[in-house]
Amino acid sequence: MKILITGAAGFIGFHTSKQLLESGHEIIGLDNLNDYYDIHLKNDRLKILQGFKTFSFHQNNLEDKEAIDRIFKEDHPQRVIHLAAQAGVRYSINHPEIYIQSNIIGTFNILEGCRHNKVEHLVFASSSSVYGLNTNYPFSVQDDVSHPVSFYGATKVSNELMAHSYSHLYKIPTTGLRFFTVYGPWGRPDMSPFLFTSNILASKPIDVYNHGNMERDFTYIDDIVEGIVRVVKKAPEPDINWKGDKPNPASSSAPFRLYNIGSNSPVKLMDYIREIEKNLGREAKLNMMPMQGGDVKKSHADVTDLIRDFSYTPEWDIKKGIKEFIKWYLNYYKVK
């Protein structure tokens, strides 16, 4: 199968590309290699992917419609995994215009590429951030998501609506995946495991928001990739039981589905920090902070639909996951 993966040099895109390449698929990678975080990390991921003969790469912005159209027309992907986006809840507070360009216009260009090139299945990344003010735990794909609390979350809700309209109008089989706090080797330096680890090793304090009174459905990267790989192989069909008078947000009369991918096991932030301390053999200096704008106190993924449709089972807990992340971090940065 020939698959276009946007954000291929990113954290999730790299692991997904590598898994599919090892399974014998042909991957067309797309990434703009921007400097939102350490470009060396992105380039090192990319070097690994370029070691596969069935991997090709385009360095382009999602907003460059001419370039995106050309990639679709020349490379003829059968399926698309759209992971590229401007990430970061906190960054979106002060830089909202970047999210319009990358997440809204960029996703529109991908949808147009799928529309005009007979793509068999589009899988796109959404986020647990869409749940916003919802406190009905665990978060279900049947829940209303009309109250995001970050602009990043708002762009992800918009992506889901845009994708559904294209699925309805042009019969494009489309699946949206809401990722929950992904971590693991080769992760993003702006995420908590990276920030906590680097600061603890440097004997610097770590910022702990809401005075540590937070919970997250931390999801190890292997569980995320397993979900993506299972989903991309099975294009959705219209839900014959869908009714307009009682609309189910997770499905449609169009070939469209939404799923959560999480561990379904939220962890207290302080327990997460203690696990990092244990693996580093060092104690963290804690800088207790109030709740940050755009943040939420708790996330918890209901993965019932994913289990039902794809026999998906999260296999990683934080003890195994943090151990693997710390092992990679110490090796990659040559920490003794």
Protein backbone atom coordinates (compact mmCIF):
# COMPACT_ATOMS: atom_id res chain seq x y z
CA MET A 1 0.00 0.00 0.00
CA LYS A 2 1.25 3.52 -0.85
CA ILE A 3 0.56 5.92 2.02
CA LEU A 4 1.16 9.66 2.33
CA ILE A 5 2.04 10.61 5.91
CA THR A 6 2.10 14.30 6.74
CA GLY A 7 4.29 15.31 9.67
CA ALA A 8 6.52 12.33 8.92
CA ALA A 9 9.51 13.81 10.77
CA GLY A 10 7.35 14.58 13.81
CA PHE A 11 7.03 12.41 16.89
CA ILE A 12 3.94 10.38 15.96
CA GLY A 13 4.60 10.63 12.22
CA PHE A 14 8.08 9.18 12.58
CA HIS A 15 6.96 6.17 14.62
CA THR A 16 3.97 5.54 12.34
CA SER A 17 6.10 5.79 9.19
CA LYS A 18 8.73 3.45 10.62
CA GLN A 19 6.16 0.84 11.65
CA LEU A 20 4.49 0.85 8.22
CA LEU A 21 7.82 0.79 6.38
CA GLU A 22 8.91 -2.24 8.42
CA SER A 23 5.61 -3.89 7.43
CA GLY A 24 6.45 -3.47 3.73
CA HIS A 25 4.38 -0.42 2.81
CA GLU A 26 5.56 2.45 0.63
CA ILE A 27 5.59 5.74 2.51
CA ILE A 28 5.55 9.24 1.05
CA GLY A 29 6.68 11.54 3.85
CA LEU A 30 5.75 15.22 4.05
CA ASP A 31 7.09 17.66 6.64
CA ASN A 32 8.16 21.31 6.66
CA LEU A 33 10.87 20.68 9.29
CA ASN A 34 10.05 23.92 11.10
CA ASP A 35 11.90 25.13 14.19
CA TYR A 36 9.01 24.99 16.68
CA TYR A 37 11.33 22.62 18.55
CA ASP A 38 14.85 21.22 18.06
CA ILE A 39 15.34 20.71 14.31
CA HIS A 40 18.18 18.25 15.01
CA LEU A 41 15.70 15.85 16.59
CA LYS A 42 13.50 16.02 13.48
CA ASN A 43 16.47 15.49 11.17
CA ASP A 44 17.67 12.48 13.18
CA ARG A 45 14.22 10.91 12.92
CA LEU A 46 14.20 11.61 9.20
CA LYS A 47 17.62 9.98 8.69
CA ILE A 48 16.25 6.72 10.10
CA LEU A 49 13.28 6.79 7.73
CA GLN A 50 15.51 7.60 4.76
CA GLY A 51 17.32 4.34 5.40
CA PHE A 52 14.29 2.53 3.93
CA LYS A 53 14.21 2.14 0.14
CA THR A 54 10.42 2.49 0.11
CA PHE A 55 10.49 5.94 1.76
CA SER A 56 10.41 9.20 -0.18
CA PHE A 57 10.27 12.68 1.30
CA HIS A 58 8.95 16.15 0.46
CA GLN A 59 9.85 19.22 2.51
CA ASN A 60 6.88 21.53 2.08
CA ASN A 61 4.41 23.58 4.10
CA LEU A 62 0.85 22.35 4.29
CA GLU A 63 -0.26 25.88 3.36
CA ASP A 64 1.48 25.60 -0.02
CA LYS A 65 -1.50 24.36 -2.02
CA GLU A 66 0.44 24.11 -5.27
CA ALA A 67 3.04 21.84 -3.65
CA ILE A 68 0.40 19.69 -1.94
CA ASP A 69 -1.55 19.30 -5.20
CA ARG A 70 1.64 18.29 -7.01
CA ILE A 71 2.49 15.62 -4.41
CA PHE A 72 -0.95 14.06 -4.75
CA LYS A 73 -0.89 14.10 -8.55
CA GLU A 74 2.68 12.82 -8.96
CA ASP A 75 2.87 10.27 -6.12
CA HIS A 76 -0.71 8.91 -6.25
CA PRO A 77 -1.10 7.87 -2.57
CA GLN A 78 -3.78 5.27 -1.98
CA ARG A 79 -4.28 6.32 1.62
CA VAL A 80 -3.37 9.38 3.67
CA ILE A 81 -2.44 9.70 7.35
CA HIS A 82 -2.61 13.41 8.12
CA LEU A 83 -0.63 14.06 11.31
CA ALA A 84 1.04 17.38 10.50
CA ALA A 85 -0.21 20.37 12.51
CA GLN A 86 0.97 23.20 14.67
CA ALA A 87 0.87 21.55 18.07
CA GLY A 88 0.82 22.97 21.58
CA VAL A 89 -2.05 24.22 23.73
CA ARG A 90 -0.01 26.92 25.47
CA TYR A 91 1.74 28.10 22.30
CA SER A 92 -1.66 28.72 20.70
CA ILE A 93 -2.51 31.34 23.32
CA ASN A 94 0.01 33.84 21.95
CA HIS A 95 0.38 32.59 18.36
CA PRO A 96 -3.15 31.81 17.12
CA GLU A 97 -2.50 32.93 13.53
CA ILE A 98 0.01 30.09 13.03
CA TYR A 99 -2.73 27.59 13.86
CA ILE A 100 -5.04 29.04 11.22
CA GLN A 101 -2.38 28.62 8.56
CA SER A 102 -1.19 25.13 9.47
CA ASN A 103 -4.23 23.47 11.03
CA ILE A 104 -7.08 25.04 9.07
CA ILE A 105 -5.68 25.99 5.65
CA GLY A 106 -3.23 23.08 5.71
CA THR A 107 -5.96 20.56 6.45
CA PHE A 108 -8.15 22.10 3.76
CA ASN A 109 -5.34 21.50 1.23
CA ILE A 110 -5.07 17.86 2.30
CA LEU A 111 -8.84 17.42 1.96
CA GLU A 112 -8.69 18.91 -1.52
CA GLY A 113 -5.88 16.53 -2.45
CA CYS A 114 -7.96 13.58 -1.27
CA ARG A 115 -11.03 14.88 -3.11
CA HIS A 116 -9.36 15.21 -6.50
CA ASN A 117 -7.17 12.10 -6.40
CA LYS A 118 -9.51 9.29 -5.35
CA VAL A 119 -7.85 8.53 -2.02
CA GLU A 120 -9.23 5.31 -0.55
CA HIS A 121 -9.06 6.39 3.10
CA LEU A 122 -8.05 9.55 4.96
CA VAL A 123 -7.01 9.17 8.59
CA PHE A 124 -6.39 12.45 10.40
CA ALA A 125 -5.13 13.46 13.82
CA SER A 126 -7.45 15.16 16.24
CA SER A 127 -6.83 15.67 19.95
CA SER A 128 -8.22 15.20 23.43
CA SER A 129 -8.14 19.02 23.56
CA VAL A 130 -11.46 19.07 21.70
CA TYR A 131 -13.25 18.06 24.92
CA GLY A 132 -12.54 21.45 26.52
CA LEU A 133 -14.95 22.25 29.37
CA ASN A 134 -16.42 18.74 29.37
CA THR A 135 -16.08 17.06 32.78
CA ASN A 136 -18.11 13.96 31.97
CA TYR A 137 -15.41 11.29 32.44
CA PRO A 138 -14.28 9.27 30.64
CA PHE A 139 -14.44 11.42 27.52
CA SER A 140 -16.54 9.69 24.87
CA VAL A 141 -16.63 10.32 21.12
CA GLN A 142 -20.40 10.57 21.61
CA ASP A 143 -19.89 13.70 23.75
CA ASP A 144 -20.51 17.26 22.60
CA VAL A 145 -17.26 19.14 21.80
CA SER A 146 -18.57 22.65 21.25
CA HIS A 147 -16.70 24.22 24.18
CA PRO A 148 -12.92 24.01 23.57
CA VAL A 149 -10.81 26.04 26.00
CA SER A 150 -7.74 26.49 23.79
CA PHE A 151 -7.45 27.80 20.26
CA TYR A 152 -5.47 24.68 19.39
CA GLY A 153 -8.47 22.61 20.52
CA ALA A 154 -10.79 24.82 18.47
CA THR A 155 -8.77 24.16 15.31
CA LYS A 156 -9.02 20.43 15.95
CA VAL A 157 -12.79 20.62 16.33
CA SER A 158 -12.81 22.58 13.06
CA ASN A 159 -10.74 19.86 11.38
CA GLU A 160 -13.30 17.24 12.39
CA LEU A 161 -16.15 19.31 10.97
CA MET A 162 -14.26 20.07 7.76
CA ALA A 163 -13.40 16.39 7.30
CA HIS A 164 -17.00 15.32 7.85
CA SER A 165 -18.30 17.77 5.26
CA TYR A 166 -15.83 16.43 2.67
CA SER A 167 -16.72 12.87 3.57
CA HIS A 168 -20.41 13.69 3.11
CA LEU A 169 -20.06 15.73 -0.09
CA TYR A 170 -17.41 13.71 -1.91
CA LYS A 171 -17.83 10.26 -0.30
CA ILE A 172 -14.24 10.21 1.00
CA PRO A 173 -13.84 7.47 3.65
CA THR A 174 -12.48 9.42 6.61
CA THR A 175 -11.46 8.57 10.18
CA GLY A 176 -10.49 11.08 12.87
CA LEU A 177 -8.36 9.96 15.82
CA ARG A 178 -8.34 11.91 19.07
CA PHE A 179 -4.92 11.37 20.67
CA PHE A 180 -4.47 11.57 24.43
CA THR A 181 -1.16 12.92 25.85
CA VAL A 182 1.30 10.91 23.78
CA TYR A 183 4.78 10.23 25.17
CA GLY A 184 7.74 7.95 24.54
CA PRO A 185 11.15 7.77 22.82
CA TRP A 186 11.79 10.47 20.19
CA GLY A 187 9.05 12.58 21.80
CA ARG A 188 8.53 16.33 21.57
CA PRO A 189 10.80 18.51 23.74
CA ASP A 190 7.88 20.80 24.64
CA MET A 191 5.99 17.97 26.34
CA SER A 192 6.14 17.24 30.06
CA PRO A 193 8.28 14.04 30.06
CA PHE A 194 11.01 15.84 28.10
CA LEU A 195 10.78 19.05 30.12
CA PHE A 196 10.74 17.26 33.46
CA THR A 197 13.63 14.95 32.57
CA SER A 198 15.91 17.66 31.20
CA ASN A 199 15.29 19.99 34.15
CA ILE A 200 15.74 17.29 36.78
CA LEU A 201 19.05 16.26 35.21
CA ALA A 202 20.16 19.91 35.16
CA SER A 203 19.05 20.42 38.78
CA LYS A 204 16.54 23.02 37.63
CA PRO A 205 12.98 23.29 39.01
CA ILE A 206 10.08 21.92 37.01
CA ASP A 207 6.83 23.87 36.62
CA VAL A 208 3.93 21.91 38.08
CA TYR A 209 0.60 23.46 37.08
CA ASN A 210 -2.52 23.59 39.25
CA HIS A 211 -0.17 22.74 42.14
CA GLY A 212 0.03 19.17 40.85
CA ASN A 213 -3.71 18.58 41.10
CA MET A 214 -4.05 17.24 37.56
CA GLU A 215 -4.57 13.90 35.84
CA ARG A 216 -3.71 12.86 32.32
CA ASP A 217 -4.49 9.82 30.19
CA PHE A 218 -0.81 9.37 29.26
CA THR A 219 -0.59 7.17 26.16
CA TYR A 220 2.64 5.47 25.12
CA ILE A 221 3.63 5.95 21.51
CA ASP A 222 3.46 2.23 20.64
CA ASP A 223 -0.22 2.12 21.63
CA ILE A 224 -0.91 5.19 19.47
CA VAL A 225 0.84 3.69 16.45
CA GLU A 226 -0.92 0.36 16.88
CA GLY A 227 -4.24 2.18 16.76
CA ILE A 228 -3.31 4.20 13.66
CA VAL A 229 -2.03 1.16 11.77
CA ARG A 230 -5.17 -0.85 12.51
CA VAL A 231 -7.45 2.02 11.52
CA VAL A 232 -5.76 2.99 8.23
CA LYS A 233 -6.22 -0.52 6.85
CA LYS A 234 -10.01 -0.46 7.32
CA ALA A 235 -11.89 2.34 5.58
CA PRO A 236 -15.24 3.25 7.21
CA GLU A 237 -18.59 2.84 5.52
CA PRO A 238 -21.77 4.85 6.10
CA ASP A 239 -23.47 3.95 9.37
CA ILE A 240 -26.83 2.50 8.31
CA ASN A 241 -28.18 3.06 11.83
CA TRP A 242 -27.29 6.76 11.96
CA LYS A 243 -30.31 9.04 12.46
CA GLY A 244 -30.54 12.78 11.92
CA ASP A 245 -33.06 13.25 14.72
CA LYS A 246 -30.60 11.69 17.21
CA PRO A 247 -27.21 12.37 15.60
CA ASN A 248 -24.25 10.38 16.89
CA PRO A 249 -21.16 12.64 16.65
CA ALA A 250 -18.84 9.64 16.27
CA SER A 251 -20.37 8.27 13.06
CA SER A 252 -22.46 9.46 10.14
CA SER A 253 -24.58 8.60 7.15
CA ALA A 254 -21.31 9.48 5.35
CA PRO A 255 -18.28 7.12 5.48
CA PHE A 256 -16.93 8.91 8.55
CA ARG A 257 -15.83 7.85 12.06
CA LEU A 258 -14.21 9.37 15.15
CA TYR A 259 -12.26 7.43 17.77
CA ASN A 260 -10.30 8.16 20.94
CA ILE A 261 -6.84 6.62 21.25
CA GLY A 262 -5.73 6.61 24.87
CA SER A 263 -4.70 4.29 27.68
CA ASN A 264 -8.13 4.58 29.37
CA SER A 265 -6.20 4.88 32.64
CA PRO A 266 -5.58 8.45 33.83
CA VAL A 267 -2.53 9.05 36.03
CA LYS A 268 -2.08 11.74 38.65
CA LEU A 269 0.56 14.25 37.59
CA MET A 270 2.53 13.85 40.82
CA ASP A 271 2.65 10.07 40.34
CA TYR A 272 4.01 10.65 36.84
CA ILE A 273 6.71 12.93 38.21
CA ARG A 274 7.64 10.38 40.87
CA GLU A 275 8.05 7.72 38.19
CA ILE A 276 10.47 9.96 36.28
CA GLU A 277 12.38 10.68 39.51
CA LYS A 278 12.64 6.96 40.24
CA ASN A 279 14.06 6.16 36.81
CA LEU A 280 16.54 9.05 36.95
CA GLY A 281 17.54 8.37 40.55
CA ARG A 282 17.10 12.07 41.31
CA GLU A 283 14.54 14.19 43.11
CA ALA A 284 12.76 17.00 41.27
CA LYS A 285 12.64 20.58 42.49
CA LEU A 286 9.00 21.57 42.21
CA ASN A 287 7.82 25.02 41.18
CA MET A 288 4.13 24.88 42.03
CA MET A 289 2.07 27.00 39.63
CA PRO A 290 -1.61 27.92 39.19
CA MET A 291 -3.68 26.43 36.38
CA GLN A 292 -2.46 27.60 32.98
CA GLY A 293 -4.85 29.23 30.52
CA GLY A 294 -6.25 26.80 27.96
CA ASP A 295 -5.47 23.79 30.14
CA VAL A 296 -7.82 21.24 31.72
CA LYS A 297 -7.63 19.49 35.06
CA LYS A 298 -8.18 15.95 33.81
CA SER A 299 -8.31 13.85 30.66
CA HIS A 300 -9.61 10.30 30.41
CA ALA A 301 -10.21 8.43 27.16
CA ASP A 302 -13.13 6.10 26.61
CA VAL A 303 -11.76 3.71 23.96
CA THR A 304 -14.80 1.42 23.85
CA ASP A 305 -15.50 2.11 20.16
CA LEU A 306 -11.90 1.43 19.15
CA ILE A 307 -11.91 -1.85 21.06
CA ARG A 308 -15.21 -2.84 19.44
CA ASP A 309 -14.24 -2.03 15.85
CA PHE A 310 -10.51 -2.84 15.85
CA SER A 311 -9.85 -5.12 18.85
CA TYR A 312 -7.54 -2.41 20.16
CA THR A 313 -6.04 -2.94 23.60
CA PRO A 314 -3.67 -0.43 25.24
CA GLU A 315 -0.67 -2.40 26.50
CA TRP A 316 1.64 0.19 28.06
CA ASP A 317 1.42 1.62 31.58
CA ILE A 318 3.57 4.48 32.85
CA LYS A 319 6.04 2.19 34.63
CA LYS A 320 7.03 0.52 31.37
CA GLY A 321 6.58 3.65 29.28
CA ILE A 322 8.63 6.04 31.42
CA LYS A 323 11.38 3.44 31.74
CA GLU A 324 11.67 3.21 27.95
CA PHE A 325 11.55 6.97 27.50
CA ILE A 326 14.28 7.61 30.08
CA LYS A 327 16.45 4.88 28.58
CA TRP A 328 16.14 6.50 25.13
CA TYR A 329 16.71 10.02 26.50
CA LEU A 330 19.91 9.11 28.35
CA ASN A 331 21.25 7.29 25.29
CA TYR A 332 20.27 9.95 22.73
CA TYR A 333 21.71 12.84 24.75
CA LYS A 334 24.64 10.73 25.98
CA VAL A 335 23.90 11.37 29.65
CA LYS A 336 26.02 9.35 32.08
